Amino acid sequence: MAGKKKEKTRPQPMVAVDVEEDPLTVEQEALIAQIQEAFKGVQLEDDGTSLQQTELLDAGRDPSDLEGLPTDERDDWTAILDRTLEDFGVVFSFTDKKGYKFYLPAYMIWTIRHHPSTEYLEKRATQALNVDAAIYALNPDTYQFESVSFVKWFSTLQIQAIIKFLEYSTRHESLDIGTAELNLEKIQKAVQKEND
C-alpha cells in the first residue's frame, strides 16, 4: 500500500547470556557512569551501519541484504547484550561514523567490565571480540573521520569520556597499553589543535 508508513518494532535481543562478572572497582563504576552520561540518548540513525551490516561488509556482501538476520538494536546502545558485542568483533572496521558513535560506548564499557576477568582471559583465544577492540577503534585517523574530524564528531562530554577511558586503559596490563597511549596522545593533540 503506497504512502503507508512502516511501523517500527523494537528489535529483540539476538542472544541472551548471563555471565557472572568480577566486582567493579570504584574507578570502573565512575568511568562507566561517565560514559553512560556522555553518550545518553545516542541512537543509530536508519542510514547508520549496524552490527549485522558490518558482518555483511566483512563478508563482501551487500549491507542492505538483511533478510533473515536478527534485527539490530538502534535506539538504545545500553540494551545491547554483552554476548552480542562479543559476536561482532569487526564492527569498527566496517561501520560508519553513526555506527561508530552508537557502538563505541557499549564496547568501552564492555572492555572495562571484562578486561580483568579471568573468565574472559580464558576465552580470549576463541572469542571474536578482542578486549582491546575499543582501544584500537579510538584512533582519530581512521577513514570514518576523513570528512568530519574525530573531535568534531563527538561532543565535549563524549571526548572527555573517551580520554578518561584511554587514560584508564594505559594503567592496566591486561589491555594494550601502547595503543592506548598512542591513541590518547593523538586525541589530546587533536583537541588542542581544535581549541587553538
N, C-alpha and C. Protein backbone atom coordinates (compact mmCIF):
# COMPACT_ATOMS: atom_id res chain seq x y z
N MET A 1 0.85 -1.17 0.00
CA MET A 1 0.00 0.00 0.00
C MET A 1 0.90 1.23 0.00
N ALA A 2 0.76 2.05 -1.01
CA ALA A 2 1.61 3.23 -1.15
C ALA A 2 1.29 4.26 -0.10
N GLY A 3 2.31 4.91 0.39
CA GLY A 3 2.16 6.00 1.34
C GLY A 3 1.99 5.58 2.78
N LYS A 4 1.76 4.30 3.03
CA LYS A 4 1.62 3.85 4.41
C LYS A 4 2.99 3.68 5.04
N LYS A 5 3.19 4.32 6.16
CA LYS A 5 4.48 4.27 6.84
C LYS A 5 4.61 2.95 7.60
N LYS A 6 5.74 2.31 7.41
CA LYS A 6 6.02 1.05 8.09
C LYS A 6 6.24 1.32 9.58
N GLU A 7 5.54 0.59 10.42
CA GLU A 7 5.69 0.77 11.86
C GLU A 7 7.02 0.18 12.32
N LYS A 8 7.71 0.93 13.18
CA LYS A 8 8.97 0.44 13.74
C LYS A 8 8.66 -0.47 14.92
N THR A 9 9.27 -1.62 14.94
CA THR A 9 9.14 -2.50 16.08
C THR A 9 10.47 -2.55 16.79
N ARG A 10 10.43 -2.67 18.07
CA ARG A 10 11.65 -2.73 18.86
C ARG A 10 12.33 -4.07 18.63
N PRO A 11 13.62 -4.04 18.24
CA PRO A 11 14.31 -5.30 17.97
C PRO A 11 14.43 -6.17 19.22
N GLN A 12 14.39 -7.45 18.99
CA GLN A 12 14.57 -8.38 20.09
C GLN A 12 16.06 -8.69 20.24
N PRO A 13 16.54 -8.89 21.45
CA PRO A 13 17.96 -9.24 21.63
C PRO A 13 18.29 -10.50 20.84
N MET A 14 19.52 -10.52 20.30
CA MET A 14 19.93 -11.66 19.48
C MET A 14 20.24 -12.88 20.34
N VAL A 15 20.98 -12.72 21.40
CA VAL A 15 21.36 -13.85 22.24
C VAL A 15 21.40 -13.36 23.68
N ALA A 16 20.64 -13.98 24.53
CA ALA A 16 20.68 -13.63 25.95
C ALA A 16 21.72 -14.50 26.63
N VAL A 17 22.52 -13.89 27.46
CA VAL A 17 23.55 -14.65 28.15
C VAL A 17 23.75 -14.06 29.54
N ASP A 18 23.88 -14.93 30.51
CA ASP A 18 24.17 -14.49 31.87
C ASP A 18 25.60 -14.89 32.19
N VAL A 19 26.43 -13.89 32.40
CA VAL A 19 27.82 -14.14 32.74
C VAL A 19 28.09 -13.48 34.08
N GLU A 20 28.65 -14.23 34.99
CA GLU A 20 28.99 -13.67 36.28
C GLU A 20 30.23 -12.79 36.11
N GLU A 21 30.08 -11.52 36.47
CA GLU A 21 31.17 -10.58 36.30
C GLU A 21 31.94 -10.42 37.60
N ASP A 22 33.23 -10.09 37.47
CA ASP A 22 34.02 -9.73 38.63
C ASP A 22 33.48 -8.43 39.18
N PRO A 23 33.55 -8.22 40.50
CA PRO A 23 33.07 -6.96 41.06
C PRO A 23 33.86 -5.78 40.48
N LEU A 24 33.16 -4.68 40.25
CA LEU A 24 33.80 -3.50 39.70
C LEU A 24 34.43 -2.67 40.82
N THR A 25 35.51 -1.98 40.48
CA THR A 25 36.13 -1.06 41.43
C THR A 25 35.38 0.26 41.39
N VAL A 26 35.66 1.11 42.34
CA VAL A 26 35.05 2.44 42.37
C VAL A 26 35.44 3.20 41.09
N GLU A 27 36.69 3.07 40.68
CA GLU A 27 37.15 3.74 39.46
C GLU A 27 36.37 3.25 38.24
N GLN A 28 36.19 1.94 38.14
CA GLN A 28 35.45 1.39 37.00
C GLN A 28 34.00 1.87 37.01
N GLU A 29 33.37 1.86 38.16
CA GLU A 29 31.98 2.32 38.25
C GLU A 29 31.86 3.78 37.84
N ALA A 30 32.79 4.62 38.29
CA ALA A 30 32.76 6.04 37.95
C ALA A 30 32.97 6.25 36.45
N LEU A 31 33.89 5.51 35.86
CA LEU A 31 34.15 5.64 34.43
C LEU A 31 32.95 5.17 33.61
N ILE A 32 32.36 4.08 34.00
CA ILE A 32 31.15 3.59 33.31
C ILE A 32 30.04 4.63 33.40
N ALA A 33 29.85 5.22 34.58
CA ALA A 33 28.82 6.25 34.75
C ALA A 33 29.10 7.47 33.85
N GLN A 34 30.38 7.85 33.75
CA GLN A 34 30.75 8.98 32.90
C GLN A 34 30.44 8.68 31.43
N ILE A 35 30.76 7.48 30.98
CA ILE A 35 30.48 7.08 29.60
C ILE A 35 28.97 7.05 29.36
N GLN A 36 28.22 6.47 30.29
CA GLN A 36 26.77 6.39 30.15
C GLN A 36 26.15 7.79 30.05
N GLU A 37 26.61 8.70 30.88
CA GLU A 37 26.08 10.07 30.85
C GLU A 37 26.45 10.77 29.55
N ALA A 38 27.70 10.64 29.12
CA ALA A 38 28.17 11.33 27.91
C ALA A 38 27.46 10.84 26.65
N PHE A 39 27.11 9.57 26.60
CA PHE A 39 26.51 9.00 25.39
C PHE A 39 25.01 8.73 25.55
N LYS A 40 24.43 9.25 26.63
CA LYS A 40 22.99 9.05 26.88
C LYS A 40 22.18 9.58 25.69
N GLY A 41 21.26 8.75 25.23
CA GLY A 41 20.36 9.17 24.16
C GLY A 41 20.90 9.01 22.75
N VAL A 42 22.15 8.59 22.59
CA VAL A 42 22.70 8.39 21.24
C VAL A 42 21.98 7.20 20.60
N GLN A 43 21.47 7.41 19.40
CA GLN A 43 20.79 6.36 18.66
C GLN A 43 21.50 6.14 17.33
N LEU A 44 21.28 4.98 16.75
CA LEU A 44 21.81 4.68 15.43
C LEU A 44 20.73 5.04 14.41
N GLU A 45 20.98 6.09 13.65
CA GLU A 45 20.01 6.53 12.66
C GLU A 45 19.80 5.44 11.61
N ASP A 46 18.67 5.53 10.92
CA ASP A 46 18.29 4.50 9.94
C ASP A 46 19.37 4.23 8.90
N ASP A 47 20.12 5.25 8.51
CA ASP A 47 21.13 5.04 7.49
C ASP A 47 22.51 4.74 8.08
N GLY A 48 22.60 4.59 9.41
CA GLY A 48 23.86 4.22 10.05
C GLY A 48 24.13 2.74 9.89
N THR A 49 25.40 2.38 9.81
CA THR A 49 25.78 0.98 9.59
C THR A 49 25.70 0.19 10.90
N SER A 50 24.88 -0.85 10.90
CA SER A 50 24.62 -1.65 12.09
C SER A 50 25.59 -2.82 12.23
N LEU A 51 25.49 -3.54 13.34
CA LEU A 51 26.33 -4.71 13.57
C LEU A 51 26.18 -5.75 12.47
N GLN A 52 24.94 -6.09 12.15
CA GLN A 52 24.70 -7.09 11.10
C GLN A 52 25.28 -6.62 9.78
N GLN A 53 25.15 -5.33 9.48
CA GLN A 53 25.68 -4.81 8.22
C GLN A 53 27.21 -4.86 8.19
N THR A 54 27.86 -4.68 9.34
CA THR A 54 29.33 -4.76 9.35
C THR A 54 29.78 -6.18 9.01
N GLU A 55 29.05 -7.17 9.48
CA GLU A 55 29.38 -8.56 9.15
C GLU A 55 29.19 -8.83 7.67
N LEU A 56 28.12 -8.28 7.09
CA LEU A 56 27.89 -8.45 5.65
C LEU A 56 29.01 -7.79 4.85
N LEU A 57 29.40 -6.58 5.26
CA LEU A 57 30.50 -5.89 4.58
C LEU A 57 31.80 -6.69 4.70
N ASP A 58 32.05 -7.24 5.88
CA ASP A 58 33.26 -8.04 6.10
C ASP A 58 33.28 -9.26 5.18
N ALA A 59 32.10 -9.80 4.89
CA ALA A 59 32.00 -10.98 4.03
C ALA A 59 31.92 -10.60 2.55
N GLY A 60 32.01 -9.30 2.24
CA GLY A 60 31.95 -8.86 0.86
C GLY A 60 30.55 -8.84 0.28
N ARG A 61 29.56 -8.81 1.14
CA ARG A 61 28.16 -8.82 0.70
C ARG A 61 27.55 -7.43 0.79
N ASP A 62 26.39 -7.28 0.20
CA ASP A 62 25.65 -6.02 0.21
C ASP A 62 25.11 -5.79 1.62
N PRO A 63 25.45 -4.65 2.25
CA PRO A 63 25.00 -4.40 3.61
C PRO A 63 23.49 -4.21 3.76
N SER A 64 22.78 -4.06 2.65
CA SER A 64 21.32 -3.93 2.74
C SER A 64 20.62 -5.28 2.69
N ASP A 65 21.38 -6.37 2.49
CA ASP A 65 20.83 -7.72 2.39
C ASP A 65 20.63 -8.32 3.78
N LEU A 66 19.70 -7.75 4.54
CA LEU A 66 19.50 -8.16 5.94
C LEU A 66 18.39 -9.19 6.11
N GLU A 67 17.78 -9.63 5.02
CA GLU A 67 16.67 -10.58 5.12
C GLU A 67 17.11 -11.84 5.86
N GLY A 68 16.32 -12.23 6.84
CA GLY A 68 16.59 -13.44 7.61
C GLY A 68 17.55 -13.25 8.77
N LEU A 69 18.12 -12.06 8.90
CA LEU A 69 19.04 -11.80 10.01
C LEU A 69 18.30 -11.15 11.17
N PRO A 70 18.77 -11.36 12.40
CA PRO A 70 18.13 -10.69 13.53
C PRO A 70 18.20 -9.17 13.37
N THR A 71 17.21 -8.50 13.93
CA THR A 71 17.16 -7.05 13.87
C THR A 71 18.14 -6.46 14.89
N ASP A 72 18.94 -5.52 14.44
CA ASP A 72 19.89 -4.86 15.34
C ASP A 72 19.20 -3.80 16.19
N GLU A 73 19.66 -3.65 17.42
CA GLU A 73 19.22 -2.56 18.28
C GLU A 73 19.72 -1.25 17.67
N ARG A 74 18.85 -0.26 17.57
CA ARG A 74 19.23 1.03 17.00
C ARG A 74 18.85 2.20 17.91
N ASP A 75 18.02 1.94 18.91
CA ASP A 75 17.51 3.03 19.73
C ASP A 75 18.25 3.23 21.05
N ASP A 76 18.81 2.16 21.59
CA ASP A 76 19.41 2.24 22.93
C ASP A 76 20.64 1.35 23.01
N TRP A 77 21.82 1.96 22.92
CA TRP A 77 23.06 1.17 22.93
C TRP A 77 23.23 0.41 24.23
N THR A 78 22.61 0.86 25.32
CA THR A 78 22.74 0.16 26.60
C THR A 78 21.96 -1.15 26.61
N ALA A 79 21.08 -1.34 25.63
CA ALA A 79 20.29 -2.57 25.55
C ALA A 79 21.01 -3.68 24.81
N ILE A 80 22.17 -3.39 24.24
CA ILE A 80 22.92 -4.40 23.51
C ILE A 80 23.60 -5.33 24.51
N LEU A 81 23.32 -6.60 24.38
CA LEU A 81 23.84 -7.59 25.31
C LEU A 81 25.34 -7.82 25.10
N ASP A 82 26.03 -8.17 26.16
CA ASP A 82 27.46 -8.48 26.08
C ASP A 82 27.74 -9.54 25.02
N ARG A 83 26.93 -10.56 25.00
CA ARG A 83 27.13 -11.67 24.05
C ARG A 83 27.05 -11.16 22.61
N THR A 84 26.15 -10.22 22.37
CA THR A 84 26.04 -9.64 21.03
C THR A 84 27.31 -8.89 20.67
N LEU A 85 27.81 -8.08 21.60
CA LEU A 85 29.06 -7.35 21.36
C LEU A 85 30.20 -8.33 21.07
N GLU A 86 30.24 -9.41 21.82
CA GLU A 86 31.30 -10.40 21.65
C GLU A 86 31.25 -11.10 20.29
N ASP A 87 30.08 -11.17 19.71
CA ASP A 87 29.91 -11.83 18.42
C ASP A 87 30.29 -10.94 17.24
N PHE A 88 30.49 -9.64 17.48
CA PHE A 88 30.76 -8.71 16.39
C PHE A 88 32.09 -8.02 16.61
N GLY A 89 33.15 -8.71 16.27
CA GLY A 89 34.49 -8.20 16.50
C GLY A 89 35.00 -7.25 15.43
N VAL A 90 34.30 -7.13 14.30
CA VAL A 90 34.79 -6.29 13.20
C VAL A 90 34.04 -4.97 13.08
N VAL A 91 33.20 -4.66 14.02
CA VAL A 91 32.30 -3.51 13.88
C VAL A 91 33.03 -2.23 13.52
N PHE A 92 34.14 -1.90 14.15
CA PHE A 92 34.79 -0.61 13.91
C PHE A 92 35.57 -0.57 12.60
N SER A 93 35.83 -1.71 12.01
CA SER A 93 36.48 -1.74 10.71
C SER A 93 35.49 -1.44 9.59
N PHE A 94 34.21 -1.69 9.82
CA PHE A 94 33.23 -1.60 8.74
C PHE A 94 32.06 -0.66 9.00
N THR A 95 31.92 -0.12 10.18
CA THR A 95 30.80 0.77 10.42
C THR A 95 31.13 2.18 9.93
N ASP A 96 30.12 3.03 9.90
CA ASP A 96 30.32 4.42 9.53
C ASP A 96 30.40 5.27 10.80
N LYS A 97 30.46 6.60 10.64
CA LYS A 97 30.56 7.49 11.81
C LYS A 97 29.38 7.32 12.76
N LYS A 98 28.20 7.12 12.19
CA LYS A 98 26.99 6.99 13.02
C LYS A 98 27.04 5.70 13.85
N GLY A 99 27.44 4.62 13.22
CA GLY A 99 27.58 3.36 13.95
C GLY A 99 28.70 3.44 14.97
N TYR A 100 29.74 4.11 14.60
CA TYR A 100 30.90 4.29 15.49
C TYR A 100 30.46 4.96 16.79
N LYS A 101 29.70 6.05 16.65
CA LYS A 101 29.25 6.79 17.84
C LYS A 101 28.27 5.97 18.68
N PHE A 102 27.44 5.19 18.02
CA PHE A 102 26.43 4.40 18.72
C PHE A 102 27.05 3.21 19.45
N TYR A 103 27.97 2.51 18.82
CA TYR A 103 28.54 1.29 19.41
C TYR A 103 29.72 1.54 20.35
N LEU A 104 30.44 2.64 20.17
CA LEU A 104 31.63 2.90 20.97
C LEU A 104 31.39 2.83 22.48
N PRO A 105 30.37 3.49 23.03
CA PRO A 105 30.20 3.41 24.49
C PRO A 105 29.94 2.00 24.99
N ALA A 106 29.19 1.22 24.24
CA ALA A 106 28.92 -0.16 24.64
C ALA A 106 30.21 -0.97 24.69
N TYR A 107 31.07 -0.79 23.69
CA TYR A 107 32.33 -1.53 23.65
C TYR A 107 33.31 -1.03 24.71
N MET A 108 33.32 0.26 25.00
CA MET A 108 34.21 0.77 26.06
C MET A 108 33.79 0.17 27.40
N ILE A 109 32.50 0.18 27.67
CA ILE A 109 32.00 -0.37 28.94
C ILE A 109 32.25 -1.87 29.00
N TRP A 110 32.05 -2.56 27.88
CA TRP A 110 32.35 -4.00 27.85
C TRP A 110 33.80 -4.24 28.23
N THR A 111 34.71 -3.43 27.69
CA THR A 111 36.14 -3.56 27.99
C THR A 111 36.41 -3.34 29.47
N ILE A 112 35.83 -2.31 30.03
CA ILE A 112 36.03 -2.02 31.46
C ILE A 112 35.55 -3.17 32.32
N ARG A 113 34.42 -3.74 31.97
CA ARG A 113 33.84 -4.83 32.77
C ARG A 113 34.59 -6.15 32.62
N HIS A 114 35.18 -6.39 31.45
CA HIS A 114 35.69 -7.72 31.17
C HIS A 114 37.20 -7.87 31.08
N HIS A 115 37.96 -6.79 30.94
CA HIS A 115 39.40 -6.97 30.74
C HIS A 115 40.10 -7.66 31.91
N PRO A 116 39.70 -7.42 33.17
CA PRO A 116 40.42 -8.11 34.23
C PRO A 116 39.84 -9.48 34.57
N SER A 117 38.79 -9.88 33.87
CA SER A 117 38.07 -11.10 34.19
C SER A 117 38.86 -12.35 33.82
N THR A 118 39.02 -13.24 34.78
CA THR A 118 39.71 -14.50 34.49
C THR A 118 38.91 -15.33 33.49
N GLU A 119 37.58 -15.27 33.58
CA GLU A 119 36.74 -16.00 32.63
C GLU A 119 36.99 -15.47 31.22
N TYR A 120 37.08 -14.15 31.08
CA TYR A 120 37.34 -13.59 29.77
C TYR A 120 38.72 -14.01 29.26
N LEU A 121 39.72 -13.89 30.11
CA LEU A 121 41.08 -14.22 29.68
C LEU A 121 41.19 -15.67 29.22
N GLU A 122 40.42 -16.56 29.84
CA GLU A 122 40.41 -17.96 29.43
C GLU A 122 39.76 -18.13 28.06
N LYS A 123 38.73 -17.32 27.75
CA LYS A 123 38.02 -17.43 26.48
C LYS A 123 38.66 -16.61 25.37
N ARG A 124 39.59 -15.75 25.71
CA ARG A 124 40.13 -14.76 24.77
C ARG A 124 40.58 -15.34 23.44
N ALA A 125 41.23 -16.47 23.46
CA ALA A 125 41.77 -17.05 22.22
C ALA A 125 40.67 -17.52 21.27
N THR A 126 39.50 -17.83 21.78
CA THR A 126 38.44 -18.35 20.92
C THR A 126 37.35 -17.33 20.64
N GLN A 127 37.44 -16.17 21.21
CA GLN A 127 36.39 -15.18 21.08
C GLN A 127 36.63 -14.27 19.87
N ALA A 128 35.56 -13.88 19.19
CA ALA A 128 35.68 -12.99 18.04
C ALA A 128 36.12 -11.60 18.48
N LEU A 129 35.65 -11.17 19.64
CA LEU A 129 35.95 -9.82 20.12
C LEU A 129 37.20 -9.81 20.98
N ASN A 130 38.11 -8.97 20.63
CA ASN A 130 39.32 -8.77 21.41
C ASN A 130 39.03 -7.71 22.45
N VAL A 131 39.51 -7.90 23.65
CA VAL A 131 39.26 -6.95 24.73
C VAL A 131 39.78 -5.56 24.38
N ASP A 132 40.71 -5.47 23.46
CA ASP A 132 41.29 -4.19 23.07
C ASP A 132 40.57 -3.53 21.89
N ALA A 133 39.47 -4.08 21.42
CA ALA A 133 38.79 -3.55 20.23
C ALA A 133 38.44 -2.08 20.36
N ALA A 134 37.93 -1.67 21.50
CA ALA A 134 37.57 -0.25 21.68
C ALA A 134 38.82 0.63 21.68
N ILE A 135 39.90 0.13 22.24
CA ILE A 135 41.16 0.89 22.25
C ILE A 135 41.67 1.07 20.82
N TYR A 136 41.65 0.00 20.03
CA TYR A 136 42.09 0.08 18.64
C TYR A 136 41.19 1.03 17.85
N ALA A 137 39.90 1.01 18.15
CA ALA A 137 38.94 1.85 17.43
C ALA A 137 39.13 3.34 17.69
N LEU A 138 39.73 3.67 18.81
CA LEU A 138 39.85 5.08 19.19
C LEU A 138 41.05 5.78 18.55
N ASN A 139 41.33 5.41 17.33
CA ASN A 139 42.36 6.09 16.53
C ASN A 139 41.64 7.18 15.73
N PRO A 140 41.91 8.45 16.02
CA PRO A 140 41.18 9.52 15.32
C PRO A 140 41.54 9.66 13.85
N ASP A 141 42.51 8.88 13.39
CA ASP A 141 42.93 8.95 11.99
C ASP A 141 42.25 7.92 11.10
N THR A 142 41.24 7.21 11.59
CA THR A 142 40.58 6.19 10.78
C THR A 142 39.76 6.84 9.67
N TYR A 143 39.46 6.06 8.64
CA TYR A 143 38.77 6.56 7.45
C TYR A 143 37.41 7.19 7.77
N GLN A 144 36.75 6.75 8.83
CA GLN A 144 35.43 7.29 9.15
C GLN A 144 35.47 8.80 9.42
N PHE A 145 36.66 9.30 9.79
CA PHE A 145 36.75 10.70 10.19
C PHE A 145 37.53 11.54 9.18
N GLU A 146 37.49 11.14 7.92
CA GLU A 146 38.13 11.93 6.87
C GLU A 146 37.34 13.18 6.54
N SER A 147 36.00 13.10 6.54
CA SER A 147 35.18 14.25 6.18
C SER A 147 34.83 15.13 7.38
N VAL A 148 34.70 14.53 8.55
CA VAL A 148 34.43 15.27 9.79
C VAL A 148 35.42 14.74 10.81
N SER A 149 36.18 15.64 11.42
CA SER A 149 37.23 15.19 12.35
C SER A 149 36.63 14.49 13.57
N PHE A 150 37.42 13.63 14.13
CA PHE A 150 37.05 12.86 15.31
C PHE A 150 36.53 13.78 16.42
N VAL A 151 37.26 14.83 16.73
CA VAL A 151 36.87 15.69 17.86
C VAL A 151 35.65 16.54 17.55
N LYS A 152 35.33 16.73 16.28
CA LYS A 152 34.10 17.46 15.93
C LYS A 152 32.89 16.53 15.91
N TRP A 153 33.12 15.25 15.67
CA TRP A 153 32.02 14.28 15.59
C TRP A 153 31.43 14.00 16.96
N PHE A 154 32.26 14.03 17.99
CA PHE A 154 31.81 13.76 19.35
C PHE A 154 31.64 15.05 20.13
N SER A 155 30.73 15.03 21.10
CA SER A 155 30.55 16.20 21.96
C SER A 155 31.73 16.33 22.92
N THR A 156 31.83 17.46 23.57
CA THR A 156 32.90 17.67 24.56
C THR A 156 32.83 16.62 25.66
N LEU A 157 31.62 16.33 26.16
CA LEU A 157 31.47 15.31 27.21
C LEU A 157 31.89 13.93 26.71
N GLN A 158 31.58 13.63 25.47
CA GLN A 158 31.97 12.34 24.89
C GLN A 158 33.49 12.25 24.74
N ILE A 159 34.11 13.31 24.27
CA ILE A 159 35.58 13.33 24.15
C ILE A 159 36.22 13.16 25.53
N GLN A 160 35.68 13.82 26.53
CA GLN A 160 36.21 13.68 27.89
C GLN A 160 36.10 12.24 28.38
N ALA A 161 34.98 11.58 28.10
CA ALA A 161 34.79 10.18 28.50
C ALA A 161 35.76 9.27 27.74
N ILE A 162 35.96 9.55 26.46
CA ILE A 162 36.90 8.76 25.65
C ILE A 162 38.31 8.91 26.20
N ILE A 163 38.71 10.13 26.53
CA ILE A 163 40.05 10.38 27.09
C ILE A 163 40.21 9.66 28.43
N LYS A 164 39.19 9.71 29.27
CA LYS A 164 39.26 9.00 30.57
C LYS A 164 39.38 7.49 30.35
N PHE A 165 38.64 6.97 29.38
CA PHE A 165 38.73 5.55 29.06
C PHE A 165 40.14 5.17 28.63
N LEU A 166 40.74 5.98 27.76
CA LEU A 166 42.10 5.68 27.31
C LEU A 166 43.11 5.84 28.44
N GLU A 167 42.93 6.84 29.28
CA GLU A 167 43.82 7.00 30.44
C GLU A 167 43.72 5.77 31.33
N TYR A 168 42.51 5.31 31.58
CA TYR A 168 42.28 4.09 32.36
C TYR A 168 43.01 2.91 31.70
N SER A 169 42.89 2.81 30.39
CA SER A 169 43.47 1.69 29.65
C SER A 169 44.99 1.68 29.71
N THR A 170 45.61 2.85 29.87
CA THR A 170 47.07 2.91 29.93
C THR A 170 47.61 2.38 31.26
N ARG A 171 46.74 2.16 32.22
CA ARG A 171 47.18 1.71 33.55
C ARG A 171 46.89 0.23 33.82
N HIS A 172 46.45 -0.51 32.81
CA HIS A 172 46.04 -1.89 33.05
C HIS A 172 46.76 -2.83 32.09
N GLU A 173 47.57 -3.71 32.65
CA GLU A 173 48.41 -4.60 31.85
C GLU A 173 47.63 -5.59 31.00
N SER A 174 46.38 -5.87 31.36
CA SER A 174 45.60 -6.80 30.54
C SER A 174 45.09 -6.13 29.27
N LEU A 175 45.38 -4.84 29.10
CA LEU A 175 44.98 -4.09 27.91
C LEU A 175 46.21 -3.70 27.11
N ASP A 176 46.00 -3.27 25.88
CA ASP A 176 47.10 -2.85 25.01
C ASP A 176 47.49 -1.42 25.39
N ILE A 177 48.40 -1.31 26.34
CA ILE A 177 48.82 -0.02 26.88
C ILE A 177 49.44 0.86 25.79
N GLY A 178 50.28 0.29 24.95
CA GLY A 178 50.95 1.06 23.90
C GLY A 178 49.98 1.73 22.95
N THR A 179 48.98 0.99 22.49
CA THR A 179 47.98 1.56 21.58
C THR A 179 47.12 2.58 22.31
N ALA A 180 46.78 2.31 23.57
CA ALA A 180 46.00 3.26 24.36
C ALA A 180 46.77 4.58 24.50
N GLU A 181 48.06 4.49 24.79
CA GLU A 181 48.87 5.71 24.92
C GLU A 181 48.95 6.47 23.60
N LEU A 182 49.16 5.74 22.51
CA LEU A 182 49.27 6.36 21.20
C LEU A 182 47.97 7.08 20.81
N ASN A 183 46.83 6.39 20.97
CA ASN A 183 45.55 7.00 20.61
C ASN A 183 45.18 8.14 21.54
N LEU A 184 45.53 8.02 22.81
CA LEU A 184 45.30 9.10 23.77
C LEU A 184 46.06 10.35 23.33
N GLU A 185 47.32 10.17 22.98
CA GLU A 185 48.15 11.30 22.54
C GLU A 185 47.57 11.94 21.28
N LYS A 186 47.13 11.13 20.33
CA LYS A 186 46.55 11.65 19.09
C LYS A 186 45.28 12.47 19.37
N ILE A 187 44.43 11.95 20.25
CA ILE A 187 43.18 12.65 20.55
C ILE A 187 43.47 13.94 21.31
N GLN A 188 44.38 13.89 22.28
CA GLN A 188 44.71 15.11 23.02
C GLN A 188 45.29 16.17 22.08
N LYS A 189 46.13 15.77 21.13
CA LYS A 189 46.67 16.73 20.15
C LYS A 189 45.55 17.31 19.27
N ALA A 190 44.63 16.46 18.86
CA ALA A 190 43.51 16.93 18.03
C ALA A 190 42.63 17.90 18.79
N VAL A 191 42.40 17.62 20.08
CA VAL A 191 41.60 18.53 20.91
C VAL A 191 42.34 19.85 21.06
N GLN A 192 43.64 19.79 21.33
CA GLN A 192 44.44 21.00 21.47
C GLN A 192 44.42 21.83 20.18
N LYS A 193 44.56 21.17 19.04
CA LYS A 193 44.52 21.85 17.75
C LYS A 193 43.17 22.52 17.53
N GLU A 194 42.11 21.82 17.91
CA GLU A 194 40.75 22.36 17.77
C GLU A 194 40.54 23.58 18.65
N ASN A 195 41.17 23.59 19.81
CA ASN A 195 41.00 24.70 20.77
C ASN A 195 41.91 25.89 20.48
N ASP A 196 42.94 25.69 19.66
CA ASP A 196 43.87 26.80 19.33
C ASP A 196 43.27 27.80 18.38
